Amino acid sequence: MFDKVFLKHPREVGESYGEHFATATGFGARMVVGGLACIVHGVIPALFVRTASDTVKSLYGRMKARQPAFAEKPPAFTEPAWQMEYEI
């Protein structure tokens, strides 16, 4: 049971428990900060105009870059010029 709950998934993605903890916690913290910025932006539109969109793009690029199929050549969405059609 311990192996299934704590070790199976990290092993499936090629990480130790510690590596997976650090990566997942880092992603989660950035999502929380981006989400809070988005809430503040909703109340005061002049603040954090691009923070949520930039956070989403950054995390998406990092997540895709971790996948083996994208490891050889970075995908276009990691380029600075890449823009979503709509920003929050």
Protein backbone atom coordinates (compact mmCIF):
# COMPACT_ATOMS: atom_id res chain seq x y z
CA MET A 1 0.00 0.00 0.00
CA PHE A 2 2.83 2.45 0.87
CA ASP A 3 4.47 1.81 -2.50
CA LYS A 4 1.21 2.36 -4.39
CA VAL A 5 0.36 5.60 -2.56
CA PHE A 6 3.80 7.26 -2.37
CA LEU A 7 6.21 5.69 -4.85
CA LYS A 8 4.38 4.25 -7.86
CA HIS A 9 3.54 7.50 -9.68
CA PRO A 10 6.92 9.21 -9.12
CA ARG A 11 8.62 6.07 -10.44
CA GLU A 12 6.31 6.08 -13.50
CA VAL A 13 7.47 9.60 -14.40
CA GLY A 14 11.15 8.81 -13.73
CA GLU A 15 11.53 10.66 -10.44
CA SER A 16 12.25 9.85 -6.84
CA TYR A 17 9.67 10.77 -4.23
CA GLY A 18 11.74 13.83 -3.26
CA GLU A 19 12.12 15.01 -6.86
CA HIS A 20 8.42 14.59 -7.51
CA PHE A 21 7.54 16.37 -4.27
CA ALA A 22 9.71 19.35 -5.19
CA THR A 23 8.37 19.55 -8.75
CA ALA A 24 4.70 19.14 -7.83
CA THR A 25 4.95 21.53 -4.89
CA GLY A 26 6.67 24.13 -7.08
CA PHE A 27 3.97 23.84 -9.74
CA GLY A 28 1.25 24.06 -7.09
CA ALA A 29 2.76 27.14 -5.44
CA ARG A 30 3.02 28.94 -8.80
CA MET A 31 -0.59 28.02 -9.57
CA VAL A 32 -1.75 29.42 -6.22
CA VAL A 33 0.18 32.67 -6.73
CA GLY A 34 -1.13 33.00 -10.29
CA GLY A 35 -4.67 32.28 -9.10
CA LEU A 36 -4.47 34.89 -6.36
CA ALA A 37 -3.14 37.42 -8.86
CA CYS A 38 -6.07 36.60 -11.14
CA ILE A 39 -8.55 37.18 -8.30
CA VAL A 40 -6.96 40.53 -7.46
CA HIS A 41 -7.00 41.42 -11.17
CA GLY A 42 -10.73 40.64 -11.26
CA VAL A 43 -11.33 43.17 -8.50
CA ILE A 44 -8.81 45.79 -9.67
CA PRO A 45 -8.26 45.31 -13.43
CA ALA A 46 -5.22 47.60 -13.55
CA LEU A 47 -3.24 45.22 -11.31
CA PHE A 48 -1.58 41.96 -12.43
CA VAL A 49 -2.70 42.44 -16.03
CA ARG A 50 -0.58 39.58 -17.40
CA THR A 51 0.42 37.64 -14.30
CA ALA A 52 -2.15 34.85 -14.58
CA SER A 53 -1.68 34.41 -18.34
CA ASP A 54 2.11 34.43 -18.02
CA THR A 55 1.92 31.88 -15.20
CA VAL A 56 -0.30 29.55 -17.24
CA LYS A 57 1.96 29.81 -20.31
CA SER A 58 5.09 29.24 -18.24
CA LEU A 59 3.69 26.21 -16.42
CA TYR A 60 2.30 24.73 -19.64
CA GLY A 61 5.68 25.09 -21.33
CA ARG A 62 7.47 23.50 -18.37
CA MET A 63 4.98 20.64 -18.20
CA LYS A 64 5.23 19.88 -21.91
CA ALA A 65 9.04 20.13 -21.83
CA ARG A 66 9.09 17.37 -19.20
CA GLN A 67 7.49 14.94 -21.66
CA PRO A 68 9.96 12.78 -23.58
CA ALA A 69 8.39 13.56 -26.99
CA PHE A 70 9.20 17.24 -26.50
CA ALA A 71 12.67 16.81 -24.96
CA GLU A 72 14.58 16.90 -28.28
CA LYS A 73 13.22 20.18 -29.61
CA PRO A 74 11.41 22.77 -27.49
CA PRO A 75 7.88 23.31 -28.79
CA ALA A 76 6.81 26.65 -30.25
CA PHE A 77 4.76 27.59 -27.20
CA THR A 78 7.93 28.01 -25.11
CA GLU A 79 9.10 30.80 -27.42
CA PRO A 80 8.64 34.34 -26.03
CA ALA A 81 6.65 35.37 -29.11
CA TRP A 82 4.06 32.66 -28.55
CA GLN A 83 0.80 34.23 -27.42
CA MET A 84 -2.55 32.84 -26.46
CA GLU A 85 -5.50 34.24 -28.37
CA TYR A 86 -7.01 35.52 -25.15
CA GLU A 87 -5.38 36.64 -21.97
CA ILE A 88 -7.04 36.89 -18.58
